[in-house]
Amino acid sequence: MTISGVYRTERGTIWRLVHLEGGSMRVELLTNETWVPGPIAMAGLRLSIQCKELTAAAIRKLPP
């Protein structure tokens, strides 16, 4: 599992894009300090100007 980015939407939703062995990927949402499966369609949000990639310092403050 490789996390390729952690993002925050304009509304404050924090999510990450995870690449799995074999080339598949999934989206995980941070909900109540727990990473839960999210809709794969969110992967396209990483290209939106309304969605920001978090800095390394901000990512370190999140739960693993």
N, C-alpha and C. Protein backbone atom coordinates (compact mmCIF):
# COMPACT_ATOMS: atom_id res chain seq x y z
N MET A 1 0.85 -1.18 0.00
CA MET A 1 0.00 0.00 0.00
C MET A 1 0.90 1.24 0.00
N THR A 2 0.60 2.15 -0.92
CA THR A 2 1.33 3.41 -1.01
C THR A 2 0.34 4.55 -1.05
N ILE A 3 0.48 5.50 -0.14
CA ILE A 3 -0.40 6.67 -0.13
C ILE A 3 0.23 7.70 -1.07
N SER A 4 -0.54 8.08 -2.10
CA SER A 4 0.03 8.99 -3.09
C SER A 4 -0.36 10.44 -2.85
N GLY A 5 -1.24 10.70 -1.90
CA GLY A 5 -1.59 12.07 -1.59
C GLY A 5 -2.71 12.14 -0.58
N VAL A 6 -2.69 13.18 0.23
CA VAL A 6 -3.75 13.43 1.21
C VAL A 6 -4.28 14.82 0.90
N TYR A 7 -5.60 14.93 0.84
CA TYR A 7 -6.24 16.15 0.35
C TYR A 7 -7.33 16.62 1.29
N ARG A 8 -7.69 17.91 1.17
CA ARG A 8 -8.82 18.49 1.91
C ARG A 8 -9.70 19.20 0.89
N THR A 9 -11.00 18.89 0.93
CA THR A 9 -11.93 19.56 0.04
C THR A 9 -12.27 20.93 0.60
N GLU A 10 -12.91 21.73 -0.21
CA GLU A 10 -13.32 23.07 0.21
C GLU A 10 -14.23 23.01 1.44
N ARG A 11 -14.99 21.95 1.56
CA ARG A 11 -15.91 21.78 2.70
C ARG A 11 -15.25 21.15 3.92
N GLY A 12 -13.96 20.80 3.81
CA GLY A 12 -13.23 20.29 4.96
C GLY A 12 -13.07 18.78 5.04
N THR A 13 -13.58 18.05 4.07
CA THR A 13 -13.42 16.60 4.07
C THR A 13 -11.97 16.26 3.77
N ILE A 14 -11.38 15.41 4.60
CA ILE A 14 -10.00 14.98 4.39
C ILE A 14 -10.04 13.56 3.83
N TRP A 15 -9.29 13.35 2.76
CA TRP A 15 -9.26 12.04 2.12
C TRP A 15 -7.88 11.77 1.55
N ARG A 16 -7.62 10.48 1.31
CA ARG A 16 -6.34 10.11 0.73
C ARG A 16 -6.54 9.10 -0.39
N LEU A 17 -5.59 9.12 -1.31
CA LEU A 17 -5.58 8.21 -2.44
C LEU A 17 -4.53 7.15 -2.15
N VAL A 18 -4.94 5.89 -2.18
CA VAL A 18 -4.07 4.77 -1.84
C VAL A 18 -3.89 3.89 -3.07
N HIS A 19 -2.64 3.62 -3.43
CA HIS A 19 -2.33 2.69 -4.52
C HIS A 19 -2.00 1.34 -3.90
N LEU A 20 -2.60 0.31 -4.45
CA LEU A 20 -2.41 -1.05 -3.96
C LEU A 20 -1.54 -1.85 -4.92
N GLU A 21 -0.99 -2.96 -4.44
CA GLU A 21 -0.22 -3.85 -5.30
C GLU A 21 -1.12 -4.33 -6.43
N GLY A 22 -0.57 -4.46 -7.59
CA GLY A 22 -1.36 -4.91 -8.73
C GLY A 22 -1.93 -3.76 -9.53
N GLY A 23 -1.71 -2.52 -9.09
CA GLY A 23 -2.12 -1.36 -9.86
C GLY A 23 -3.49 -0.78 -9.53
N SER A 24 -4.22 -1.39 -8.61
CA SER A 24 -5.53 -0.81 -8.26
C SER A 24 -5.34 0.31 -7.25
N MET A 25 -6.40 1.09 -7.06
CA MET A 25 -6.34 2.16 -6.07
C MET A 25 -7.67 2.28 -5.36
N ARG A 26 -7.63 2.98 -4.23
CA ARG A 26 -8.85 3.22 -3.46
C ARG A 26 -8.75 4.59 -2.81
N VAL A 27 -9.90 5.08 -2.40
CA VAL A 27 -9.99 6.35 -1.68
C VAL A 27 -10.41 6.04 -0.25
N GLU A 28 -9.79 6.72 0.70
CA GLU A 28 -10.16 6.59 2.10
C GLU A 28 -10.48 7.97 2.65
N LEU A 29 -11.56 8.06 3.41
CA LEU A 29 -11.99 9.31 4.05
C LEU A 29 -11.64 9.26 5.53
N LEU A 30 -11.24 10.40 6.07
CA LEU A 30 -10.99 10.49 7.51
C LEU A 30 -12.30 10.86 8.19
N THR A 31 -12.83 9.90 8.96
CA THR A 31 -14.10 10.08 9.65
C THR A 31 -13.92 9.70 11.11
N ASN A 32 -14.14 10.66 12.00
CA ASN A 32 -13.98 10.40 13.45
C ASN A 32 -12.62 9.80 13.76
N GLU A 33 -11.56 10.37 13.17
CA GLU A 33 -10.18 9.96 13.39
C GLU A 33 -9.87 8.54 12.92
N THR A 34 -10.69 8.01 12.00
CA THR A 34 -10.49 6.69 11.43
C THR A 34 -10.59 6.79 9.92
N TRP A 35 -9.69 6.12 9.21
CA TRP A 35 -9.75 6.08 7.75
C TRP A 35 -10.74 5.01 7.32
N VAL A 36 -11.77 5.41 6.57
CA VAL A 36 -12.80 4.49 6.11
C VAL A 36 -12.87 4.55 4.57
N PRO A 37 -13.36 3.48 3.94
CA PRO A 37 -13.46 3.49 2.47
C PRO A 37 -14.35 4.64 1.98
N GLY A 38 -13.93 5.24 0.88
CA GLY A 38 -14.69 6.33 0.28
C GLY A 38 -14.96 6.03 -1.18
N PRO A 39 -15.75 6.87 -1.83
CA PRO A 39 -16.08 6.64 -3.23
C PRO A 39 -14.86 6.92 -4.13
N ILE A 40 -14.57 5.98 -5.02
CA ILE A 40 -13.41 6.12 -5.90
C ILE A 40 -13.53 7.35 -6.79
N ALA A 41 -14.73 7.82 -7.02
CA ALA A 41 -14.93 9.02 -7.85
C ALA A 41 -14.23 10.25 -7.25
N MET A 42 -13.95 10.22 -5.96
CA MET A 42 -13.25 11.35 -5.33
C MET A 42 -11.83 11.50 -5.85
N ALA A 43 -11.28 10.47 -6.45
CA ALA A 43 -9.91 10.55 -6.95
C ALA A 43 -9.75 11.70 -7.94
N GLY A 44 -10.78 12.00 -8.69
CA GLY A 44 -10.73 13.10 -9.64
C GLY A 44 -10.68 14.46 -8.98
N LEU A 45 -11.09 14.56 -7.72
CA LEU A 45 -11.08 15.84 -7.01
C LEU A 45 -9.67 16.39 -6.80
N ARG A 46 -8.67 15.51 -6.83
CA ARG A 46 -7.30 15.98 -6.59
C ARG A 46 -6.85 16.99 -7.64
N LEU A 47 -7.54 17.05 -8.76
CA LEU A 47 -7.22 17.99 -9.83
C LEU A 47 -8.00 19.29 -9.72
N SER A 48 -8.96 19.36 -8.82
CA SER A 48 -9.81 20.53 -8.67
C SER A 48 -9.10 21.66 -7.92
N ILE A 49 -9.35 22.89 -8.33
CA ILE A 49 -8.77 24.04 -7.61
C ILE A 49 -9.41 24.21 -6.24
N GLN A 50 -10.56 23.55 -6.01
CA GLN A 50 -11.25 23.66 -4.73
C GLN A 50 -10.79 22.59 -3.74
N CYS A 51 -9.81 21.79 -4.14
CA CYS A 51 -9.28 20.73 -3.29
C CYS A 51 -7.78 20.95 -3.16
N LYS A 52 -7.28 20.94 -1.95
CA LYS A 52 -5.86 21.22 -1.70
C LYS A 52 -5.14 19.98 -1.17
N GLU A 53 -3.94 19.76 -1.68
CA GLU A 53 -3.11 18.68 -1.16
C GLU A 53 -2.48 19.17 0.15
N LEU A 54 -2.51 18.34 1.17
CA LEU A 54 -1.97 18.71 2.46
C LEU A 54 -0.44 18.63 2.45
N THR A 55 0.17 19.48 3.25
CA THR A 55 1.63 19.46 3.38
C THR A 55 2.05 18.29 4.24
N ALA A 56 3.33 17.95 4.19
CA ALA A 56 3.86 16.86 5.01
C ALA A 56 3.63 17.13 6.49
N ALA A 57 3.77 18.37 6.92
CA ALA A 57 3.56 18.72 8.33
C ALA A 57 2.10 18.49 8.73
N ALA A 58 1.17 18.84 7.87
CA ALA A 58 -0.25 18.64 8.16
C ALA A 58 -0.59 17.15 8.18
N ILE A 59 0.01 16.39 7.30
CA ILE A 59 -0.25 14.95 7.23
C ILE A 59 0.24 14.25 8.50
N ARG A 60 1.37 14.67 9.03
CA ARG A 60 1.91 14.07 10.25
C ARG A 60 0.97 14.23 11.44
N LYS A 61 0.11 15.24 11.42
CA LYS A 61 -0.82 15.49 12.53
C LYS A 61 -2.06 14.61 12.45
N LEU A 62 -2.25 13.91 11.34
CA LEU A 62 -3.42 13.05 11.14
C LEU A 62 -3.17 11.66 11.71
N PRO A 63 -4.25 10.93 12.02
CA PRO A 63 -4.07 9.55 12.48
C PRO A 63 -3.47 8.70 11.36
N PRO A 64 -2.72 7.66 11.74
CA PRO A 64 -2.10 6.78 10.72
C PRO A 64 -3.12 5.99 9.94
